Amino acid sequence: MSGILEAAMAIANQAAKHSDCELFNIAEAFDMLCDTVEVFEGYHLHSATTRCHFVEAVNVALSSMPGNRISMRCAELAGGDYAIEWLPYAGMPTAKTGSL
């Protein structure tokens, strides 16, 4: 269970960094992401197909959170490696970029 909690908290914290702090509720985000990650029973990053489904599920959860301005992408690399990328919504300022 701790892997699920850790994954949910890491995603919630990353989203919070780029969110509208007046609208984004990290406690609610954490609860929703725990439910999302739990569906994968700890195997959310074990295969390319599962990673793809996991990222899609996380993005659906993130898109339903008021104030969220970020999405997640999994890039498959050579040799079975992968990288997680955090992509700010196009045209929306984030805490780091400010107004464009």
PDB file of N, CA and C in Angstrom:
ATOM      1  N   MET A   1       0.820  -1.204   0.000  1.00  0.00           N
ATOM      2  CA  MET A   1       0.000   0.000   0.000  1.00  0.00           C
ATOM      3  C   MET A   1       0.860   1.262   0.000  1.00  0.00           C
ATOM      4  N   SER A   2       2.049   1.233   0.595  1.00  0.00           N
ATOM      5  CA  SER A   2       2.854   2.451   0.680  1.00  0.00           C
ATOM      6  C   SER A   2       3.283   2.926  -0.700  1.00  0.00           C
ATOM      7  N   GLY A   3       3.502   2.013  -1.660  1.00  0.00           N
ATOM      8  CA  GLY A   3       3.848   2.415  -3.017  1.00  0.00           C
ATOM      9  C   GLY A   3       2.725   3.198  -3.663  1.00  0.00           C
ATOM     10  N   ILE A   4       1.496   2.827  -3.369  1.00  0.00           N
ATOM     11  CA  ILE A   4       0.330   3.534  -3.892  1.00  0.00           C
ATOM     12  C   ILE A   4       0.267   4.934  -3.295  1.00  0.00           C
ATOM     13  N   LEU A   5       0.458   5.025  -1.990  1.00  0.00           N
ATOM     14  CA  LEU A   5       0.427   6.326  -1.326  1.00  0.00           C
ATOM     15  C   LEU A   5       1.551   7.227  -1.815  1.00  0.00           C
ATOM     16  N   GLU A   6       2.744   6.651  -1.969  1.00  0.00           N
ATOM     17  CA  GLU A   6       3.888   7.427  -2.449  1.00  0.00           C
ATOM     18  C   GLU A   6       3.656   7.938  -3.867  1.00  0.00           C
ATOM     19  N   ALA A   7       3.136   7.094  -4.736  1.00  0.00           N
ATOM     20  CA  ALA A   7       2.866   7.500  -6.119  1.00  0.00           C
ATOM     21  C   ALA A   7       1.808   8.602  -6.154  1.00  0.00           C
ATOM     22  N   ALA A   8       0.740   8.429  -5.404  1.00  0.00           N
ATOM     23  CA  ALA A   8      -0.326   9.428  -5.370  1.00  0.00           C
ATOM     24  C   ALA A   8       0.190  10.760  -4.837  1.00  0.00           C
ATOM     25  N   MET A   9       1.004  10.718  -3.789  1.00  0.00           N
ATOM     26  CA  MET A   9       1.521  11.961  -3.212  1.00  0.00           C
ATOM     27  C   MET A   9       2.501  12.636  -4.165  1.00  0.00           C
ATOM     28  N   ALA A  10       3.335  11.864  -4.845  1.00  0.00           N
ATOM     29  CA  ALA A  10       4.288  12.449  -5.796  1.00  0.00           C
ATOM     30  C   ALA A  10       3.543  13.148  -6.932  1.00  0.00           C
ATOM     31  N   ILE A  11       2.492  12.530  -7.436  1.00  0.00           N
ATOM     32  CA  ILE A  11       1.712  13.135  -8.519  1.00  0.00           C
ATOM     33  C   ILE A  11       0.970  14.375  -8.020  1.00  0.00           C
ATOM     34  N   ALA A  12       0.359  14.284  -6.852  1.00  0.00           N
ATOM     35  CA  ALA A  12      -0.363  15.430  -6.284  1.00  0.00           C
ATOM     36  C   ALA A  12       0.586  16.600  -6.036  1.00  0.00           C
ATOM     37  N   ASN A  13       1.762  16.325  -5.513  1.00  0.00           N
ATOM     38  CA  ASN A  13       2.734  17.394  -5.267  1.00  0.00           C
ATOM     39  C   ASN A  13       3.198  18.043  -6.562  1.00  0.00           C
ATOM     40  N   GLN A  14       3.431  17.231  -7.590  1.00  0.00           N
ATOM     41  CA  GLN A  14       3.857  17.776  -8.877  1.00  0.00           C
ATOM     42  C   GLN A  14       2.755  18.649  -9.472  1.00  0.00           C
ATOM     43  N   ALA A  15       1.520  18.178  -9.409  1.00  0.00           N
ATOM     44  CA  ALA A  15       0.397  18.958  -9.923  1.00  0.00           C
ATOM     45  C   ALA A  15       0.244  20.262  -9.144  1.00  0.00           C
ATOM     46  N   ALA A  16       0.424  20.201  -7.834  1.00  0.00           N
ATOM     47  CA  ALA A  16       0.282  21.397  -6.998  1.00  0.00           C
ATOM     48  C   ALA A  16       1.302  22.474  -7.361  1.00  0.00           C
ATOM     49  N   LYS A  17       2.491  22.064  -7.769  1.00  0.00           N
ATOM     50  CA  LYS A  17       3.530  23.029  -8.154  1.00  0.00           C
ATOM     51  C   LYS A  17       3.108  23.892  -9.337  1.00  0.00           C
ATOM     52  N   HIS A  18       2.267  23.363 -10.192  1.00  0.00           N
ATOM     53  CA  HIS A  18       1.897  24.047 -11.428  1.00  0.00           C
ATOM     54  C   HIS A  18       0.427  24.452 -11.467  1.00  0.00           C
ATOM     55  N   SER A  19      -0.263  24.322 -10.365  1.00  0.00           N
ATOM     56  CA  SER A  19      -1.701  24.573 -10.344  1.00  0.00           C
ATOM     57  C   SER A  19      -2.018  26.016  -9.970  1.00  0.00           C
ATOM     58  N   ASP A  20      -3.281  26.336 -10.110  1.00  0.00           N
ATOM     59  CA  ASP A  20      -3.813  27.593  -9.588  1.00  0.00           C
ATOM     60  C   ASP A  20      -4.034  27.346  -8.098  1.00  0.00           C
ATOM     61  N   CYS A  21      -3.196  27.959  -7.273  1.00  0.00           N
ATOM     62  CA  CYS A  21      -3.212  27.642  -5.837  1.00  0.00           C
ATOM     63  C   CYS A  21      -4.519  28.043  -5.152  1.00  0.00           C
ATOM     64  N   GLU A  22      -5.296  28.923  -5.752  1.00  0.00           N
ATOM     65  CA  GLU A  22      -6.581  29.297  -5.161  1.00  0.00           C
ATOM     66  C   GLU A  22      -7.657  28.245  -5.395  1.00  0.00           C
ATOM     67  N   LEU A  23      -7.488  27.441  -6.431  1.00  0.00           N
ATOM     68  CA  LEU A  23      -8.507  26.441  -6.777  1.00  0.00           C
ATOM     69  C   LEU A  23      -8.098  25.007  -6.471  1.00  0.00           C
ATOM     70  N   PHE A  24      -6.817  24.725  -6.560  1.00  0.00           N
ATOM     71  CA  PHE A  24      -6.329  23.351  -6.422  1.00  0.00           C
ATOM     72  C   PHE A  24      -6.278  22.951  -4.950  1.00  0.00           C
ATOM     73  N   ASN A  25      -6.913  21.836  -4.621  1.00  0.00           N
ATOM     74  CA  ASN A  25      -6.933  21.334  -3.247  1.00  0.00           C
ATOM     75  C   ASN A  25      -6.098  20.059  -3.206  1.00  0.00           C
ATOM     76  N   ILE A  26      -4.922  20.139  -2.596  1.00  0.00           N
ATOM     77  CA  ILE A  26      -3.992  19.004  -2.623  1.00  0.00           C
ATOM     78  C   ILE A  26      -4.541  17.797  -1.860  1.00  0.00           C
ATOM     79  N   ALA A  27      -5.301  18.018  -0.808  1.00  0.00           N
ATOM     80  CA  ALA A  27      -5.872  16.887  -0.061  1.00  0.00           C
ATOM     81  C   ALA A  27      -6.893  16.122  -0.916  1.00  0.00           C
ATOM     82  N   GLU A  28      -7.743  16.854  -1.631  1.00  0.00           N
ATOM     83  CA  GLU A  28      -8.704  16.207  -2.520  1.00  0.00           C
ATOM     84  C   GLU A  28      -7.989  15.525  -3.683  1.00  0.00           C
ATOM     85  N   ALA A  29      -6.944  16.177  -4.204  1.00  0.00           N
ATOM     86  CA  ALA A  29      -6.163  15.584  -5.299  1.00  0.00           C
ATOM     87  C   ALA A  29      -5.522  14.278  -4.842  1.00  0.00           C
ATOM     88  N   PHE A  30      -4.955  14.283  -3.646  1.00  0.00           N
ATOM     89  CA  PHE A  30      -4.325  13.085  -3.110  1.00  0.00           C
ATOM     90  C   PHE A  30      -5.331  11.943  -2.996  1.00  0.00           C
ATOM     91  N   ASP A  31      -6.511  12.231  -2.459  1.00  0.00           N
ATOM     92  CA  ASP A  31      -7.546  11.198  -2.316  1.00  0.00           C
ATOM     93  C   ASP A  31      -7.949  10.624  -3.679  1.00  0.00           C
ATOM     94  N   MET A  32      -8.162  11.499  -4.650  1.00  0.00           N
ATOM     95  CA  MET A  32      -8.567  11.041  -5.975  1.00  0.00           C
ATOM     96  C   MET A  32      -7.453  10.237  -6.634  1.00  0.00           C
ATOM     97  N   LEU A  33      -6.226  10.691  -6.480  1.00  0.00           N
ATOM     98  CA  LEU A  33      -5.101   9.981  -7.085  1.00  0.00           C
ATOM     99  C   LEU A  33      -4.822   8.653  -6.387  1.00  0.00           C
ATOM    100  N   CYS A  34      -5.057   8.565  -5.093  1.00  0.00           N
ATOM    101  CA  CYS A  34      -4.932   7.272  -4.394  1.00  0.00           C
ATOM    102  C   CYS A  34      -5.900   6.268  -5.007  1.00  0.00           C
ATOM    103  N   ASP A  35      -7.134   6.706  -5.226  1.00  0.00           N
ATOM    104  CA  ASP A  35      -8.127   5.820  -5.841  1.00  0.00           C
ATOM    105  C   ASP A  35      -7.691   5.401  -7.240  1.00  0.00           C
ATOM    106  N   THR A  36      -7.121   6.331  -7.991  1.00  0.00           N
ATOM    107  CA  THR A  36      -6.679   6.051  -9.355  1.00  0.00           C
ATOM    108  C   THR A  36      -5.515   5.069  -9.369  1.00  0.00           C
ATOM    109  N   VAL A  37      -4.508   5.319  -8.536  1.00  0.00           N
ATOM    110  CA  VAL A  37      -3.316   4.468  -8.496  1.00  0.00           C
ATOM    111  C   VAL A  37      -3.655   3.091  -7.946  1.00  0.00           C
ATOM    112  N   GLU A  38      -4.555   3.039  -6.972  1.00  0.00           N
ATOM    113  CA  GLU A  38      -4.927   1.776  -6.327  1.00  0.00           C
ATOM    114  C   GLU A  38      -5.503   0.765  -7.321  1.00  0.00           C
ATOM    115  N   VAL A  39      -6.168   1.246  -8.356  1.00  0.00           N
ATOM    116  CA  VAL A  39      -6.744   0.360  -9.369  1.00  0.00           C
ATOM    117  C   VAL A  39      -5.661  -0.525  -9.998  1.00  0.00           C
ATOM    118  N   PHE A  40      -4.443  -0.019 -10.070  1.00  0.00           N
ATOM    119  CA  PHE A  40      -3.343  -0.753 -10.711  1.00  0.00           C
ATOM    120  C   PHE A  40      -2.614  -1.695  -9.748  1.00  0.00           C
ATOM    121  N   GLU A  41      -3.052  -1.738  -8.504  1.00  0.00           N
ATOM    122  CA  GLU A  41      -2.558  -2.675  -7.486  1.00  0.00           C
ATOM    123  C   GLU A  41      -1.033  -2.729  -7.384  1.00  0.00           C
ATOM    124  N   GLY A  42      -0.397  -1.574  -7.514  1.00  0.00           N
ATOM    125  CA  GLY A  42       1.055  -1.504  -7.360  1.00  0.00           C
ATOM    126  C   GLY A  42       1.852  -1.871  -8.597  1.00  0.00           C
ATOM    127  N   TYR A  43       1.177  -2.233  -9.680  1.00  0.00           N
ATOM    128  CA  TYR A  43       1.872  -2.630 -10.901  1.00  0.00           C
ATOM    129  C   TYR A  43       1.767  -1.554 -11.982  1.00  0.00           C
ATOM    130  N   HIS A  44       1.607  -0.312 -11.569  1.00  0.00           N
ATOM    131  CA  HIS A  44       1.335   0.773 -12.495  1.00  0.00           C
ATOM    132  C   HIS A  44       2.488   1.115 -13.442  1.00  0.00           C
ATOM    133  N   LEU A  45       3.713   0.710 -13.141  1.00  0.00           N
ATOM    134  CA  LEU A  45       4.840   1.036 -14.018  1.00  0.00           C
ATOM    135  C   LEU A  45       5.577  -0.208 -14.516  1.00  0.00           C
ATOM    136  N   HIS A  46       4.987  -1.383 -14.392  1.00  0.00           N
ATOM    137  CA  HIS A  46       5.696  -2.630 -14.679  1.00  0.00           C
ATOM    138  C   HIS A  46       5.810  -2.996 -16.150  1.00  0.00           C
ATOM    139  N   SER A  47       4.942  -2.493 -17.006  1.00  0.00           N
ATOM    140  CA  SER A  47       5.045  -2.808 -18.436  1.00  0.00           C
ATOM    141  C   SER A  47       4.638  -1.579 -19.231  1.00  0.00           C
ATOM    142  N   ALA A  48       5.027  -1.535 -20.484  1.00  0.00           N
ATOM    143  CA  ALA A  48       4.708  -0.380 -21.332  1.00  0.00           C
ATOM    144  C   ALA A  48       3.198  -0.188 -21.450  1.00  0.00           C
ATOM    145  N   THR A  49       2.461  -1.266 -21.629  1.00  0.00           N
ATOM    146  CA  THR A  49       1.010  -1.169 -21.765  1.00  0.00           C
ATOM    147  C   THR A  49       0.372  -0.670 -20.481  1.00  0.00           C
ATOM    148  N   THR A  50       0.810  -1.206 -19.358  1.00  0.00           N
ATOM    149  CA  THR A  50       0.259  -0.779 -18.072  1.00  0.00           C
ATOM    150  C   THR A  50       0.614   0.677 -17.792  1.00  0.00           C
ATOM    151  N   ARG A  51       1.847   1.082 -18.107  1.00  0.00           N
ATOM    152  CA  ARG A  51       2.238   2.483 -17.926  1.00  0.00           C
ATOM    153  C   ARG A  51       1.342   3.395 -18.753  1.00  0.00           C
ATOM    154  N   CYS A  52       1.046   3.006 -19.967  1.00  0.00           N
ATOM    155  CA  CYS A  52       0.185   3.803 -20.842  1.00  0.00           C
ATOM    156  C   CYS A  52      -1.209   3.961 -20.228  1.00  0.00           C
ATOM    157  N   HIS A  53      -1.782   2.870 -19.763  1.00  0.00           N
ATOM    158  CA  HIS A  53      -3.109   2.918 -19.132  1.00  0.00           C
ATOM    159  C   HIS A  53      -3.064   3.741 -17.842  1.00  0.00           C
ATOM    160  N   PHE A  54      -1.994   3.594 -17.087  1.00  0.00           N
ATOM    161  CA  PHE A  54      -1.833   4.339 -15.843  1.00  0.00           C
ATOM    162  C   PHE A  54      -1.800   5.839 -16.117  1.00  0.00           C
ATOM    163  N   VAL A  55      -0.984   6.255 -17.078  1.00  0.00           N
ATOM    164  CA  VAL A  55      -0.861   7.680 -17.400  1.00  0.00           C
ATOM    165  C   VAL A  55      -2.200   8.226 -17.895  1.00  0.00           C
ATOM    166  N   GLU A  56      -2.916   7.462 -18.704  1.00  0.00           N
ATOM    167  CA  GLU A  56      -4.242   7.894 -19.159  1.00  0.00           C
ATOM    168  C   GLU A  56      -5.184   8.086 -17.978  1.00  0.00           C
ATOM    169  N   ALA A  57      -5.169   7.149 -17.045  1.00  0.00           N
ATOM    170  CA  ALA A  57      -6.042   7.243 -15.866  1.00  0.00           C
ATOM    171  C   ALA A  57      -5.676   8.452 -15.004  1.00  0.00           C
ATOM    172  N   VAL A  58      -4.379   8.680 -14.817  1.00  0.00           N
ATOM    173  CA  VAL A  58      -3.931   9.835 -14.031  1.00  0.00           C
ATOM    174  C   VAL A  58      -4.365  11.122 -14.716  1.00  0.00           C
ATOM    175  N   ASN A  59      -4.225  11.199 -16.030  1.00  0.00           N
ATOM    176  CA  ASN A  59      -4.617  12.410 -16.743  1.00  0.00           C
ATOM    177  C   ASN A  59      -6.111  12.678 -16.664  1.00  0.00           C
ATOM    178  N   VAL A  60      -6.913  11.631 -16.683  1.00  0.00           N
ATOM    179  CA  VAL A  60      -8.363  11.806 -16.503  1.00  0.00           C
ATOM    180  C   VAL A  60      -8.625  12.370 -15.109  1.00  0.00           C
ATOM    181  N   ALA A  61      -7.965  11.813 -14.110  1.00  0.00           N
ATOM    182  CA  ALA A  61      -8.142  12.315 -12.739  1.00  0.00           C
ATOM    183  C   ALA A  61      -7.671  13.763 -12.632  1.00  0.00           C
ATOM    184  N   LEU A  62      -6.493  14.058 -13.172  1.00  0.00           N
ATOM    185  CA  LEU A  62      -5.966  15.424 -13.104  1.00  0.00           C
ATOM    186  C   LEU A  62      -6.878  16.423 -13.808  1.00  0.00           C
ATOM    187  N   SER A  63      -7.428  16.023 -14.943  1.00  0.00           N
ATOM    188  CA  SER A  63      -8.263  16.945 -15.712  1.00  0.00           C
ATOM    189  C   SER A  63      -9.564  17.295 -14.998  1.00  0.00           C
ATOM    190  N   SER A  64      -9.968  16.478 -14.050  1.00  0.00           N
ATOM    191  CA  SER A  64     -11.199  16.755 -13.312  1.00  0.00           C
ATOM    192  C   SER A  64     -10.964  17.590 -12.053  1.00  0.00           C
ATOM    193  N   MET A  65      -9.717  17.939 -11.771  1.00  0.00           N
ATOM    194  CA  MET A  65      -9.388  18.687 -10.556  1.00  0.00           C
ATOM    195  C   MET A  65      -9.374  20.188 -10.837  1.00  0.00           C
ATOM    196  N   PRO A  66     -10.201  20.946 -10.119  1.00  0.00           N
ATOM    197  CA  PRO A  66     -10.195  22.401 -10.308  1.00  0.00           C
ATOM    198  C   PRO A  66      -8.798  22.969 -10.031  1.00  0.00           C
ATOM    199  N   GLY A  67      -8.352  23.826 -10.929  1.00  0.00           N
ATOM    200  CA  GLY A  67      -7.070  24.500 -10.744  1.00  0.00           C
ATOM    201  C   GLY A  67      -5.877  23.760 -11.306  1.00  0.00           C
ATOM    202  N   ASN A  68      -6.064  22.501 -11.725  1.00  0.00           N
ATOM    203  CA  ASN A  68      -4.937  21.760 -12.285  1.00  0.00           C
ATOM    204  C   ASN A  68      -4.551  22.346 -13.642  1.00  0.00           C
ATOM    205  N   ARG A  69      -3.240  22.413 -13.889  1.00  0.00           N
ATOM    206  CA  ARG A  69      -2.739  22.961 -15.149  1.00  0.00           C
ATOM    207  C   ARG A  69      -1.618  22.116 -15.727  1.00  0.00           C
ATOM    208  N   ILE A  70      -1.641  20.835 -15.445  1.00  0.00           N
ATOM    209  CA  ILE A  70      -0.540  19.972 -15.877  1.00  0.00           C
ATOM    210  C   ILE A  70      -1.069  18.597 -16.261  1.00  0.00           C
ATOM    211  N   SER A  71      -0.375  17.956 -17.169  1.00  0.00           N
ATOM    212  CA  SER A  71      -0.691  16.570 -17.509  1.00  0.00           C
ATOM    213  C   SER A  71       0.601  15.756 -17.463  1.00  0.00           C
ATOM    214  N   MET A  72       0.441  14.472 -17.475  1.00  0.00           N
ATOM    215  CA  MET A  72       1.566  13.538 -17.344  1.00  0.00           C
ATOM    216  C   MET A  72       1.727  12.788 -18.659  1.00  0.00           C
ATOM    217  N   ARG A  73       2.968  12.524 -19.029  1.00  0.00           N
ATOM    218  CA  ARG A  73       3.257  11.750 -20.243  1.00  0.00           C
ATOM    219  C   ARG A  73       4.356  10.753 -19.915  1.00  0.00           C
ATOM    220  N   CYS A  74       4.240   9.569 -20.449  1.00  0.00           N
ATOM    221  CA  CYS A  74       5.276   8.554 -20.280  1.00  0.00           C
ATOM    222  C   CYS A  74       5.933   8.334 -21.628  1.00  0.00           C
ATOM    223  N   ALA A  75       7.231   8.578 -21.690  1.00  0.00           N
ATOM    224  CA  ALA A  75       7.988   8.370 -22.925  1.00  0.00           C
ATOM    225  C   ALA A  75       8.774   7.076 -22.800  1.00  0.00           C
ATOM    226  N   GLU A  76       8.544   6.178 -23.731  1.00  0.00           N
ATOM    227  CA  GLU A  76       9.275   4.913 -23.743  1.00  0.00           C
ATOM    228  C   GLU A  76      10.650   5.137 -24.371  1.00  0.00           C
ATOM    229  N   LEU A  77      11.687   4.699 -23.700  1.00  0.00           N
ATOM    230  CA  LEU A  77      13.060   4.854 -24.170  1.00  0.00           C
ATOM    231  C   LEU A  77      13.612   3.502 -24.606  1.00  0.00           C
ATOM    232  N   ALA A  78      14.813   3.492 -25.098  1.00  0.00           N
ATOM    233  CA  ALA A  78      15.457   2.251 -25.541  1.00  0.00           C
ATOM    234  C   ALA A  78      15.690   1.305 -24.365  1.00  0.00           C
ATOM    235  N   GLY A  79      15.690   0.030 -24.646  1.00  0.00           N
ATOM    236  CA  GLY A  79      16.011  -0.976 -23.638  1.00  0.00           C
ATOM    237  C   GLY A  79      14.968  -1.163 -22.562  1.00  0.00           C
ATOM    238  N   GLY A  80      13.732  -0.751 -22.829  1.00  0.00           N
ATOM    239  CA  GLY A  80      12.679  -0.932 -21.830  1.00  0.00           C
ATOM    240  C   GLY A  80      12.632   0.154 -20.772  1.00  0.00           C
ATOM    241  N   ASP A  81      13.498   1.149 -20.875  1.00  0.00           N
ATOM    242  CA  ASP A  81      13.471   2.267 -19.936  1.00  0.00           C
ATOM    243  C   ASP A  81      12.349   3.225 -20.319  1.00  0.00           C
ATOM    244  N   TYR A  82      11.987   4.094 -19.407  1.00  0.00           N
ATOM    245  CA  TYR A  82      10.952   5.080 -19.671  1.00  0.00           C
ATOM    246  C   TYR A  82      11.234   6.333 -18.859  1.00  0.00           C
ATOM    247  N   ALA A  83      10.612   7.413 -19.260  1.00  0.00           N
ATOM    248  CA  ALA A  83      10.727   8.682 -18.546  1.00  0.00           C
ATOM    249  C   ALA A  83       9.330   9.265 -18.379  1.00  0.00           C
ATOM    250  N   ILE A  84       9.089   9.843 -17.229  1.00  0.00           N
ATOM    251  CA  ILE A  84       7.836  10.532 -16.966  1.00  0.00           C
ATOM    252  C   ILE A  84       8.070  12.016 -17.215  1.00  0.00           C
ATOM    253  N   GLU A  85       7.190  12.606 -18.008  1.00  0.00           N
ATOM    254  CA  GLU A  85       7.280  14.035 -18.297  1.00  0.00           C
ATOM    255  C   GLU A  85       6.023  14.724 -17.776  1.00  0.00           C
ATOM    256  N   TRP A  86       6.214  15.935 -17.282  1.00  0.00           N
ATOM    257  CA  TRP A  86       5.099  16.740 -16.809  1.00  0.00           C
ATOM    258  C   TRP A  86       4.922  17.883 -17.789  1.00  0.00           C
ATOM    259  N   LEU A  87       3.751  17.971 -18.389  1.00  0.00           N
ATOM    260  CA  LEU A  87       3.491  18.952 -19.437  1.00  0.00           C
ATOM    261  C   LEU A  87       2.442  19.952 -18.979  1.00  0.00           C
ATOM    262  N   PRO A  88       2.813  21.238 -18.915  1.00  0.00           N
ATOM    263  CA  PRO A  88       1.809  22.244 -18.560  1.00  0.00           C
ATOM    264  C   PRO A  88       0.790  22.392 -19.686  1.00  0.00           C
ATOM    265  N   TYR A  89      -0.437  22.710 -19.327  1.00  0.00           N
ATOM    266  CA  TYR A  89      -1.465  22.927 -20.336  1.00  0.00           C
ATOM    267  C   TYR A  89      -1.037  24.079 -21.232  1.00  0.00           C
ATOM    268  N   ALA A  90      -1.217  23.939 -22.516  1.00  0.00           N
ATOM    269  CA  ALA A  90      -0.815  24.957 -23.486  1.00  0.00           C
ATOM    270  C   ALA A  90      -1.599  26.245 -23.262  1.00  0.00           C
ATOM    271  N   GLY A  91      -0.882  27.348 -23.285  1.00  0.00           N
ATOM    272  CA  GLY A  91      -1.527  28.647 -23.187  1.00  0.00           C
ATOM    273  C   GLY A  91      -1.964  29.046 -21.805  1.00  0.00           C
ATOM    274  N   MET A  92      -1.683  28.223 -20.807  1.00  0.00           N
ATOM    275  CA  MET A  92      -2.082  28.568 -19.443  1.00  0.00           C
ATOM    276  C   MET A  92      -0.825  28.819 -18.611  1.00  0.00           C
ATOM    277  N   PRO A  93      -0.767  29.946 -17.913  1.00  0.00           N
ATOM    278  CA  PRO A  93       0.393  30.195 -17.072  1.00  0.00           C
ATOM    279  C   PRO A  93       0.437  29.222 -15.902  1.00  0.00           C
ATOM    280  N   THR A  94       1.630  28.862 -15.485  1.00  0.00           N
ATOM    281  CA  THR A  94       1.811  28.025 -14.300  1.00  0.00           C
ATOM    282  C   THR A  94       2.501  28.852 -13.245  1.00  0.00           C
ATOM    283  N   ALA A  95       2.644  28.302 -12.063  1.00  0.00           N
ATOM    284  CA  ALA A  95       3.320  29.010 -10.990  1.00  0.00           C
ATOM    285  C   ALA A  95       4.739  29.381 -11.394  1.00  0.00           C
ATOM    286  N   LYS A  96       5.379  28.545 -12.195  1.00  0.00           N
ATOM    287  CA  LYS A  96       6.760  28.804 -12.588  1.00  0.00           C
ATOM    288  C   LYS A  96       6.881  29.757 -13.769  1.00  0.00           C
ATOM    289  N   THR A  97       5.923  29.731 -14.693  1.00  0.00           N
ATOM    290  CA  THR A  97       6.044  30.564 -15.895  1.00  0.00           C
ATOM    291  C   THR A  97       5.360  31.902 -15.765  1.00  0.00           C
ATOM    292  N   GLY A  98       4.364  32.010 -14.873  1.00  0.00           N
ATOM    293  CA  GLY A  98       3.614  33.253 -14.760  1.00  0.00           C
ATOM    294  C   GLY A  98       2.810  33.495 -16.025  1.00  0.00           C
ATOM    295  N   SER A  99       2.401  34.727 -16.228  1.00  0.00           N
ATOM    296  CA  SER A  99       1.634  35.066 -17.426  1.00  0.00           C
ATOM    297  C   SER A  99       2.558  35.068 -18.639  1.00  0.00           C
ATOM    298  N   LEU A 100       2.059  34.538 -19.742  1.00  0.00           N
ATOM    299  CA  LEU A 100       2.845  34.515 -20.975  1.00  0.00           C
ATOM    300  C   LEU A 100       2.475  35.680 -21.857  1.00  0.00           C
TER     301      LEU A 100
END
